[in-house]
Amino acid sequence: YFYAAIAPAFLVLVWGILQFIAPYRLEKL
């Protein structure tokens, strides 16, 4: 179960960090 979730969880986490750091520049995304 953990390995089945790791890829989408990693995507949500890393992309979320970028959106949190640059919410103005990445507003469209």
ModelCIF file with pLDDT and N, C-alpha, C, O atoms, coordinates in Angstrom:
data_MODEL
#
_entry.id   MODEL 
#
_entity.id                         1 
_entity.type                       polymer 
_entity.pdbx_number_of_molecules   1 
#
_entity_poly.entity_id                      1 
_entity_poly.type                           'polypeptide(L)' 
_entity_poly.nstd_linkage                   no 
_entity_poly.nstd_monomer                   no 
_entity_poly.pdbx_seq_one_letter_code       YFYAAIAPAFLVLVWGILQFIAPYRLEKL 
_entity_poly.pdbx_seq_one_letter_code_can   YFYAAIAPAFLVLVWGILQFIAPYRLEKL 
_entity_poly.pdbx_strand_id                 A 
#
loop_
_entity_poly_seq.entity_id 
_entity_poly_seq.num 
_entity_poly_seq.mon_id 
_entity_poly_seq.hetero 
1 1  TYR n 
1 2  PHE n 
1 3  TYR n 
1 4  ALA n 
1 5  ALA n 
1 6  ILE n 
1 7  ALA n 
1 8  PRO n 
1 9  ALA n 
1 10 PHE n 
1 11 LEU n 
1 12 VAL n 
1 13 LEU n 
1 14 VAL n 
1 15 TRP n 
1 16 GLY n 
1 17 ILE n 
1 18 LEU n 
1 19 GLN n 
1 20 PHE n 
1 21 ILE n 
1 22 ALA n 
1 23 PRO n 
1 24 TYR n 
1 25 ARG n 
1 26 LEU n 
1 27 GLU n 
1 28 LYS n 
1 29 LEU n 
#
_struct_asym.id          A 
_struct_asym.entity_id   1 
#
loop_
_ma_qa_metric.id 
_ma_qa_metric.mode 
_ma_qa_metric.name 
_ma_qa_metric.software_group_id 
_ma_qa_metric.type 
1 global pLDDT . pLDDT 
2 local  pLDDT . pLDDT 
#
_ma_qa_metric_global.metric_id      1 
_ma_qa_metric_global.metric_value   94.17 
_ma_qa_metric_global.model_id       1 
_ma_qa_metric_global.ordinal_id     1 
#
loop_
_ma_qa_metric_local.label_asym_id 
_ma_qa_metric_local.label_comp_id 
_ma_qa_metric_local.label_seq_id 
_ma_qa_metric_local.metric_id 
_ma_qa_metric_local.metric_value 
_ma_qa_metric_local.model_id 
_ma_qa_metric_local.ordinal_id 
A TYR 1  2 93.00 1 1  
A PHE 2  2 95.00 1 2  
A TYR 3  2 96.00 1 3  
A ALA 4  2 96.00 1 4  
A ALA 5  2 96.00 1 5  
A ILE 6  2 96.00 1 6  
A ALA 7  2 97.00 1 7  
A PRO 8  2 97.00 1 8  
A ALA 9  2 97.00 1 9  
A PHE 10 2 97.00 1 10 
A LEU 11 2 97.00 1 11 
A VAL 12 2 97.00 1 12 
A LEU 13 2 97.00 1 13 
A VAL 14 2 97.00 1 14 
A TRP 15 2 97.00 1 15 
A GLY 16 2 97.00 1 16 
A ILE 17 2 97.00 1 17 
A LEU 18 2 96.00 1 18 
A GLN 19 2 95.00 1 19 
A PHE 20 2 95.00 1 20 
A ILE 21 2 94.00 1 21 
A ALA 22 2 91.00 1 22 
A PRO 23 2 91.00 1 23 
A TYR 24 2 88.00 1 24 
A ARG 25 2 87.00 1 25 
A LEU 26 2 90.00 1 26 
A GLU 27 2 88.00 1 27 
A LYS 28 2 85.00 1 28 
A LEU 29 2 92.00 1 29 
#
loop_
_atom_site.group_PDB 
_atom_site.id 
_atom_site.type_symbol 
_atom_site.label_atom_id 
_atom_site.label_alt_id 
_atom_site.label_comp_id 
_atom_site.label_asym_id 
_atom_site.label_entity_id 
_atom_site.label_seq_id 
_atom_site.pdbx_PDB_ins_code 
_atom_site.Cartn_x 
_atom_site.Cartn_y 
_atom_site.Cartn_z 
_atom_site.occupancy 
_atom_site.B_iso_or_equiv 
_atom_site.pdbx_formal_charge 
_atom_site.auth_seq_id 
_atom_site.auth_comp_id 
_atom_site.auth_asym_id 
_atom_site.auth_atom_id 
_atom_site.pdbx_PDB_model_num 
ATOM 1   N N  . TYR A 1 1  ? 0.829  -1.211 0.000   1.00 93.00 ? 1  TYR A N  1 
ATOM 2   C CA . TYR A 1 1  ? 0.000  0.000  0.000   1.00 93.00 ? 1  TYR A CA 1 
ATOM 3   C C  . TYR A 1 1  ? 0.864  1.262  0.000   1.00 93.00 ? 1  TYR A C  1 
ATOM 4   O O  . TYR A 1 1  ? 0.540  2.243  -0.670  1.00 93.00 ? 1  TYR A O  1 
ATOM 5   N N  . PHE A 1 2  ? 1.961  1.232  0.752   1.00 95.00 ? 2  PHE A N  1 
ATOM 6   C CA . PHE A 1 2  ? 2.829  2.413  0.825   1.00 95.00 ? 2  PHE A CA 1 
ATOM 7   C C  . PHE A 1 2  ? 3.472  2.712  -0.524  1.00 95.00 ? 2  PHE A C  1 
ATOM 8   O O  . PHE A 1 2  ? 3.465  3.857  -0.976  1.00 95.00 ? 2  PHE A O  1 
ATOM 9   N N  . TYR A 1 3  ? 4.030  1.685  -1.169  1.00 96.00 ? 3  TYR A N  1 
ATOM 10  C CA . TYR A 1 3  ? 4.681  1.901  -2.459  1.00 96.00 ? 3  TYR A CA 1 
ATOM 11  C C  . TYR A 1 3  ? 3.670  2.289  -3.546  1.00 96.00 ? 3  TYR A C  1 
ATOM 12  O O  . TYR A 1 3  ? 4.009  3.016  -4.480  1.00 96.00 ? 3  TYR A O  1 
ATOM 13  N N  . ALA A 1 4  ? 2.439  1.807  -3.423  1.00 96.00 ? 4  ALA A N  1 
ATOM 14  C CA . ALA A 1 4  ? 1.408  2.183  -4.395  1.00 96.00 ? 4  ALA A CA 1 
ATOM 15  C C  . ALA A 1 4  ? 1.031  3.658  -4.285  1.00 96.00 ? 4  ALA A C  1 
ATOM 16  O O  . ALA A 1 4  ? 0.530  4.250  -5.241  1.00 96.00 ? 4  ALA A O  1 
ATOM 17  N N  . ALA A 1 5  ? 1.273  4.247  -3.119  1.00 96.00 ? 5  ALA A N  1 
ATOM 18  C CA . ALA A 1 5  ? 0.891  5.654  -2.890  1.00 96.00 ? 5  ALA A CA 1 
ATOM 19  C C  . ALA A 1 5  ? 2.059  6.613  -3.015  1.00 96.00 ? 5  ALA A C  1 
ATOM 20  O O  . ALA A 1 5  ? 1.844  7.823  -3.096  1.00 96.00 ? 5  ALA A O  1 
ATOM 21  N N  . ILE A 1 6  ? 3.290  6.115  -3.034  1.00 96.00 ? 6  ILE A N  1 
ATOM 22  C CA . ILE A 1 6  ? 4.447  6.999  -2.915  1.00 96.00 ? 6  ILE A CA 1 
ATOM 23  C C  . ILE A 1 6  ? 4.595  7.949  -4.097  1.00 96.00 ? 6  ILE A C  1 
ATOM 24  O O  . ILE A 1 6  ? 4.949  9.112  -3.901  1.00 96.00 ? 6  ILE A O  1 
ATOM 25  N N  . ALA A 1 7  ? 4.335  7.484  -5.321  1.00 97.00 ? 7  ALA A N  1 
ATOM 26  C CA . ALA A 1 7  ? 4.521  8.345  -6.501  1.00 97.00 ? 7  ALA A CA 1 
ATOM 27  C C  . ALA A 1 7  ? 3.532  9.513  -6.517  1.00 97.00 ? 7  ALA A C  1 
ATOM 28  O O  . ALA A 1 7  ? 3.970  10.656 -6.639  1.00 97.00 ? 7  ALA A O  1 
ATOM 29  N N  . PRO A 1 8  ? 2.208  9.280  -6.397  1.00 97.00 ? 8  PRO A N  1 
ATOM 30  C CA . PRO A 1 8  ? 1.299  10.425 -6.370  1.00 97.00 ? 8  PRO A CA 1 
ATOM 31  C C  . PRO A 1 8  ? 1.518  11.322 -5.155  1.00 97.00 ? 8  PRO A C  1 
ATOM 32  O O  . PRO A 1 8  ? 1.355  12.539 -5.251  1.00 97.00 ? 8  PRO A O  1 
ATOM 33  N N  . ALA A 1 9  ? 1.885  10.736 -4.014  1.00 97.00 ? 9  ALA A N  1 
ATOM 34  C CA . ALA A 1 9  ? 2.142  11.551 -2.822  1.00 97.00 ? 9  ALA A CA 1 
ATOM 35  C C  . ALA A 1 9  ? 3.350  12.460 -3.036  1.00 97.00 ? 9  ALA A C  1 
ATOM 36  O O  . ALA A 1 9  ? 3.332  13.626 -2.641  1.00 97.00 ? 9  ALA A O  1 
ATOM 37  N N  . PHE A 1 10 ? 4.402  11.922 -3.665  1.00 97.00 ? 10 PHE A N  1 
ATOM 38  C CA . PHE A 1 10 ? 5.604  12.713 -3.942  1.00 97.00 ? 10 PHE A CA 1 
ATOM 39  C C  . PHE A 1 10 ? 5.267  13.863 -4.895  1.00 97.00 ? 10 PHE A C  1 
ATOM 40  O O  . PHE A 1 10 ? 5.757  14.978 -4.718  1.00 97.00 ? 10 PHE A O  1 
ATOM 41  N N  . LEU A 1 11 ? 4.436  13.596 -5.899  1.00 97.00 ? 11 LEU A N  1 
ATOM 42  C CA . LEU A 1 11 ? 4.038  14.633 -6.852  1.00 97.00 ? 11 LEU A CA 1 
ATOM 43  C C  . LEU A 1 11 ? 3.278  15.752 -6.153  1.00 97.00 ? 11 LEU A C  1 
ATOM 44  O O  . LEU A 1 11 ? 3.567  16.930 -6.364  1.00 97.00 ? 11 LEU A O  1 
ATOM 45  N N  . VAL A 1 12 ? 2.303  15.384 -5.318  1.00 97.00 ? 12 VAL A N  1 
ATOM 46  C CA . VAL A 1 12 ? 1.512  16.392 -4.603  1.00 97.00 ? 12 VAL A CA 1 
ATOM 47  C C  . VAL A 1 12 ? 2.403  17.208 -3.671  1.00 97.00 ? 12 VAL A C  1 
ATOM 48  O O  . VAL A 1 12 ? 2.234  18.422 -3.561  1.00 97.00 ? 12 VAL A O  1 
ATOM 49  N N  . LEU A 1 13 ? 3.347  16.555 -3.002  1.00 97.00 ? 13 LEU A N  1 
ATOM 50  C CA . LEU A 1 13 ? 4.226  17.240 -2.053  1.00 97.00 ? 13 LEU A CA 1 
ATOM 51  C C  . LEU A 1 13 ? 5.177  18.207 -2.747  1.00 97.00 ? 13 LEU A C  1 
ATOM 52  O O  . LEU A 1 13 ? 5.228  19.382 -2.386  1.00 97.00 ? 13 LEU A O  1 
ATOM 53  N N  . VAL A 1 14 ? 5.921  17.738 -3.726  1.00 97.00 ? 14 VAL A N  1 
ATOM 54  C CA . VAL A 1 14 ? 6.940  18.574 -4.378  1.00 97.00 ? 14 VAL A CA 1 
ATOM 55  C C  . VAL A 1 14 ? 6.291  19.719 -5.143  1.00 97.00 ? 14 VAL A C  1 
ATOM 56  O O  . VAL A 1 14 ? 6.720  20.869 -5.040  1.00 97.00 ? 14 VAL A O  1 
ATOM 57  N N  . TRP A 1 15 ? 5.254  19.395 -5.912  1.00 97.00 ? 15 TRP A N  1 
ATOM 58  C CA . TRP A 1 15 ? 4.547  20.451 -6.661  1.00 97.00 ? 15 TRP A CA 1 
ATOM 59  C C  . TRP A 1 15 ? 3.925  21.443 -5.690  1.00 97.00 ? 15 TRP A C  1 
ATOM 60  O O  . TRP A 1 15 ? 3.923  22.647 -5.949  1.00 97.00 ? 15 TRP A O  1 
ATOM 61  N N  . GLY A 1 16 ? 3.398  20.948 -4.573  1.00 97.00 ? 16 GLY A N  1 
ATOM 62  C CA . GLY A 1 16 ? 2.792  21.836 -3.581  1.00 97.00 ? 16 GLY A CA 1 
ATOM 63  C C  . GLY A 1 16 ? 3.797  22.793 -2.983  1.00 97.00 ? 16 GLY A C  1 
ATOM 64  O O  . GLY A 1 16 ? 3.471  23.952 -2.726  1.00 97.00 ? 16 GLY A O  1 
ATOM 65  N N  . ILE A 1 17 ? 5.030  22.322 -2.754  1.00 97.00 ? 17 ILE A N  1 
ATOM 66  C CA . ILE A 1 17 ? 6.078  23.203 -2.219  1.00 97.00 ? 17 ILE A CA 1 
ATOM 67  C C  . ILE A 1 17 ? 6.353  24.343 -3.199  1.00 97.00 ? 17 ILE A C  1 
ATOM 68  O O  . ILE A 1 17 ? 6.496  25.497 -2.793  1.00 97.00 ? 17 ILE A O  1 
ATOM 69  N N  . LEU A 1 18 ? 6.427  24.016 -4.490  1.00 96.00 ? 18 LEU A N  1 
ATOM 70  C CA . LEU A 1 18 ? 6.667  25.049 -5.505  1.00 96.00 ? 18 LEU A CA 1 
ATOM 71  C C  . LEU A 1 18 ? 5.514  26.045 -5.550  1.00 96.00 ? 18 LEU A C  1 
ATOM 72  O O  . LEU A 1 18 ? 5.740  27.252 -5.645  1.00 96.00 ? 18 LEU A O  1 
ATOM 73  N N  . GLN A 1 19 ? 4.263  25.542 -5.482  1.00 95.00 ? 19 GLN A N  1 
ATOM 74  C CA . GLN A 1 19 ? 3.104  26.442 -5.492  1.00 95.00 ? 19 GLN A CA 1 
ATOM 75  C C  . GLN A 1 19 ? 3.080  27.325 -4.253  1.00 95.00 ? 19 GLN A C  1 
ATOM 76  O O  . GLN A 1 19 ? 2.657  28.479 -4.318  1.00 95.00 ? 19 GLN A O  1 
ATOM 77  N N  . PHE A 1 20 ? 3.531  26.790 -3.130  1.00 95.00 ? 20 PHE A N  1 
ATOM 78  C CA . PHE A 1 20 ? 3.546  27.561 -1.887  1.00 95.00 ? 20 PHE A CA 1 
ATOM 79  C C  . PHE A 1 20 ? 4.619  28.649 -1.933  1.00 95.00 ? 20 PHE A C  1 
ATOM 80  O O  . PHE A 1 20 ? 4.404  29.756 -1.438  1.00 95.00 ? 20 PHE A O  1 
ATOM 81  N N  . ILE A 1 21 ? 5.770  28.336 -2.525  1.00 94.00 ? 21 ILE A N  1 
ATOM 82  C CA . ILE A 1 21 ? 6.875  29.302 -2.585  1.00 94.00 ? 21 ILE A CA 1 
ATOM 83  C C  . ILE A 1 21 ? 6.569  30.436 -3.566  1.00 94.00 ? 21 ILE A C  1 
ATOM 84  O O  . ILE A 1 21 ? 6.871  31.595 -3.280  1.00 94.00 ? 21 ILE A O  1 
ATOM 85  N N  . ALA A 1 22 ? 5.971  30.116 -4.719  1.00 91.00 ? 22 ALA A N  1 
ATOM 86  C CA . ALA A 1 22 ? 5.748  31.124 -5.774  1.00 91.00 ? 22 ALA A CA 1 
ATOM 87  C C  . ALA A 1 22 ? 4.273  31.156 -6.186  1.00 91.00 ? 22 ALA A C  1 
ATOM 88  O O  . ALA A 1 22 ? 3.952  30.821 -7.327  1.00 91.00 ? 22 ALA A O  1 
ATOM 89  N N  . PRO A 1 23 ? 3.371  31.552 -5.280  1.00 91.00 ? 23 PRO A N  1 
ATOM 90  C CA . PRO A 1 23 ? 1.934  31.528 -5.624  1.00 91.00 ? 23 PRO A CA 1 
ATOM 91  C C  . PRO A 1 23 ? 1.544  32.562 -6.668  1.00 91.00 ? 23 PRO A C  1 
ATOM 92  O O  . PRO A 1 23 ? 0.533  32.394 -7.350  1.00 91.00 ? 23 PRO A O  1 
ATOM 93  N N  . TYR A 1 24 ? 2.331  33.640 -6.810  1.00 88.00 ? 24 TYR A N  1 
ATOM 94  C CA . TYR A 1 24 ? 1.999  34.667 -7.800  1.00 88.00 ? 24 TYR A CA 1 
ATOM 95  C C  . TYR A 1 24 ? 2.423  34.218 -9.196  1.00 88.00 ? 24 TYR A C  1 
ATOM 96  O O  . TYR A 1 24 ? 1.619  34.224 -10.128 1.00 88.00 ? 24 TYR A O  1 
ATOM 97  N N  . ARG A 1 25 ? 3.678  33.832 -9.332  1.00 87.00 ? 25 ARG A N  1 
ATOM 98  C CA . ARG A 1 25 ? 4.193  33.443 -10.637 1.00 87.00 ? 25 ARG A CA 1 
ATOM 99  C C  . ARG A 1 25 ? 3.508  32.172 -11.160 1.00 87.00 ? 25 ARG A C  1 
ATOM 100 O O  . ARG A 1 25 ? 3.318  32.018 -12.367 1.00 87.00 ? 25 ARG A O  1 
ATOM 101 N N  . LEU A 1 26 ? 3.141  31.264 -10.247 1.00 90.00 ? 26 LEU A N  1 
ATOM 102 C CA . LEU A 1 26 ? 2.516  29.992 -10.631 1.00 90.00 ? 26 LEU A CA 1 
ATOM 103 C C  . LEU A 1 26 ? 0.998  30.011 -10.430 1.00 90.00 ? 26 LEU A C  1 
ATOM 104 O O  . LEU A 1 26 ? 0.378  28.963 -10.246 1.00 90.00 ? 26 LEU A O  1 
ATOM 105 N N  . GLU A 1 27 ? 0.411  31.201 -10.466 1.00 88.00 ? 27 GLU A N  1 
ATOM 106 C CA . GLU A 1 27 ? -1.029 31.307 -10.204 1.00 88.00 ? 27 GLU A CA 1 
ATOM 107 C C  . GLU A 1 27 ? -1.860 30.521 -11.214 1.00 88.00 ? 27 GLU A C  1 
ATOM 108 O O  . GLU A 1 27 ? -2.849 29.887 -10.847 1.00 88.00 ? 27 GLU A O  1 
ATOM 109 N N  . LYS A 1 28 ? -1.466 30.561 -12.470 1.00 85.00 ? 28 LYS A N  1 
ATOM 110 C CA . LYS A 1 28 ? -2.228 29.833 -13.491 1.00 85.00 ? 28 LYS A CA 1 
ATOM 111 C C  . LYS A 1 28 ? -2.199 28.335 -13.260 1.00 85.00 ? 28 LYS A C  1 
ATOM 112 O O  . LYS A 1 28 ? -3.180 27.645 -13.536 1.00 85.00 ? 28 LYS A O  1 
ATOM 113 N N  . LEU A 1 29 ? -1.069 27.819 -12.751 1.00 92.00 ? 29 LEU A N  1 
ATOM 114 C CA . LEU A 1 29 ? -0.935 26.387 -12.513 1.00 92.00 ? 29 LEU A CA 1 
ATOM 115 C C  . LEU A 1 29 ? -1.665 25.933 -11.253 1.00 92.00 ? 29 LEU A C  1 
ATOM 116 O O  . LEU A 1 29 ? -1.644 24.749 -10.920 1.00 92.00 ? 29 LEU A O  1 
#
